[in-house]
Protein backbone atom coordinates (compact mmCIF):
# COMPACT_ATOMS: atom_id res chain seq x y z
CA MET A 1 63.62 34.86 49.16
CA THR A 2 61.60 32.03 48.15
CA GLU A 3 58.44 32.68 49.98
CA LEU A 4 55.40 34.37 49.22
CA LEU A 5 54.37 37.18 51.70
CA GLU A 6 50.74 36.36 52.30
CA CYS A 7 47.84 39.46 53.76
CA ARG A 8 47.16 38.50 57.44
CA ASP A 9 43.56 40.08 56.13
CA CYS A 10 42.69 38.37 52.95
CA GLY A 11 45.31 36.21 52.53
CA HIS A 12 46.43 37.28 48.91
CA ARG A 13 49.86 36.33 48.22
CA THR A 14 52.58 38.25 46.72
CA PHE A 15 56.39 38.35 45.76
CA TYR A 16 57.51 42.07 45.56
CA GLU A 17 57.45 43.48 49.01
CA LYS A 18 54.88 45.65 49.58
CA HIS A 19 53.85 48.46 52.36
CA ARG A 20 50.02 47.51 51.34
CA CYS A 21 48.00 44.97 49.83
CA PRO A 22 46.73 45.28 46.68
CA GLU A 23 44.08 43.55 47.17
CA CYS A 24 42.51 44.73 50.32
CA GLY A 25 44.57 47.77 51.37
CA GLY A 26 46.12 45.25 54.67
CA ALA A 27 49.56 46.69 55.88
CA GLU A 28 50.54 43.03 57.86
CA PHE A 29 52.08 39.95 55.86
CA ASP A 30 53.12 36.68 56.88
CA GLY A 31 56.23 34.74 55.02
CA VAL A 32 54.70 31.29 53.23
CA ALA A 33 56.02 28.58 50.82
CA ALA A 34 55.26 29.41 47.71
CA GLY A 35 55.11 26.09 46.28
CA THR A 36 54.83 25.09 42.48
CA GLY A 37 53.27 28.21 40.02
CA GLU A 38 52.67 27.83 36.67
CA LEU A 39 54.41 28.69 33.58
CA LEU A 40 52.56 31.89 31.89
CA SER A 41 54.65 33.60 29.51
CA VAL A 42 58.73 33.28 28.64
CA THR A 43 61.03 35.64 26.53
CA THR A 44 64.23 36.12 25.86
CA VAL A 45 66.12 39.10 25.84
CA HIS A 46 69.57 39.32 23.41
CA VAL A 47 70.69 42.67 24.31
CA THR A 48 71.02 43.37 28.17
CA PRO A 49 73.32 45.38 30.07
CA ASP A 50 76.62 45.24 31.41
CA GLY A 51 76.63 41.52 33.10
CA VAL A 52 73.62 40.08 32.90
CA ARG A 53 73.69 36.96 30.98
CA GLU A 54 73.04 37.21 27.24
CA PRO A 55 70.34 35.66 25.90
CA ASN A 56 68.66 36.04 28.92
CA ALA A 57 65.89 33.54 29.57
CA LEU A 58 62.89 35.66 31.67
CA GLY A 59 59.47 33.68 32.54
CA LEU A 60 56.32 34.83 34.04
CA ALA A 61 54.66 32.68 36.29
CA ALA A 62 51.18 32.46 38.79
CA PHE A 63 51.76 30.66 42.04
CA PRO A 64 48.52 29.73 44.41
CA GLY A 65 47.14 32.57 46.08
CA GLY A 66 47.18 35.45 43.24
CA ALA A 67 51.33 35.97 43.10
CA ASN A 68 52.69 36.41 40.09
CA VAL A 69 56.60 36.59 39.45
CA VAL A 70 59.26 37.57 36.67
CA ALA A 71 62.54 36.02 36.71
CA GLN A 72 64.95 34.54 35.41
CA LEU A 73 64.59 30.85 33.66
CA ASP A 74 66.99 28.40 35.47
CA GLU A 75 66.86 26.56 32.71
CA THR A 76 64.97 25.36 29.03
CA LEU A 77 61.23 25.49 30.15
CA SER A 78 57.55 25.86 28.15
CA ILE A 79 54.19 27.23 28.59
CA GLY A 80 51.98 25.21 30.53
CA ASP A 81 55.41 23.76 33.00
CA GLY A 82 55.31 23.83 36.52
CA VAL A 83 57.61 25.56 38.53
CA ARG A 84 59.21 26.88 41.61
CA LEU A 85 61.64 29.43 43.36
CA VAL A 86 64.87 28.82 43.25
CA GLY A 87 66.72 31.22 45.78
CA ASP A 88 70.56 32.60 46.29
CA ARG A 89 71.39 33.03 42.68
CA GLU A 90 73.42 35.03 40.69
CA LEU A 91 71.57 37.38 38.61
CA ARG A 92 74.36 39.85 37.66
CA ALA A 93 77.94 41.33 38.56
CA THR A 94 78.13 44.40 39.63
CA ASP A 95 80.55 46.79 40.83
CA ASP A 96 79.71 45.89 44.33
CA GLY A 97 79.73 41.90 43.59
CA PRO A 98 77.47 39.94 42.46
CA LEU A 99 73.81 40.92 42.59
CA ARG A 100 71.94 38.06 43.81
CA GLY A 101 68.03 36.91 43.77
CA VAL A 102 65.80 34.23 42.50
CA ARG A 103 65.12 32.11 39.79
CA LEU A 104 62.15 29.66 38.25
CA ALA A 105 63.13 26.15 37.88
CA ALA A 106 61.12 23.03 36.71
CA VAL A 107 59.42 21.41 39.40
CA GLU A 108 61.13 18.17 40.29
C-alpha cells in the first residue's frame, strides 16, 4: 500500500490500518495519495532475524495530515530529506515466500 488512510470525519491521516481514527474516533477512512514526507529519524539494525537483510536501515517519516511511517530505507538517506512510499518491495524471506511491503525512497 502506497496510500495513506484519511478519516472521513476529521481528515487525520494514518498509514497503518486502524478500526478507529486516533484523533476523533471516526470509523470510516478513504485511501489518499501519500505525497511527499520528511525523514525525521534513521537507525540501522545490525543483528536481525533470519531472512531480514543485515544491516537493516530503517527510517521514520512524517507525511501530510499527521501520518508517521516507519519503514525500511531503499537507499542512504539523511534526516530532513524528502521521501516517498515505494510499494511492493521484498522486505524479508519467510517459509511461505517473500514478505512484501513498502519502503521509504528519496523524492526524485
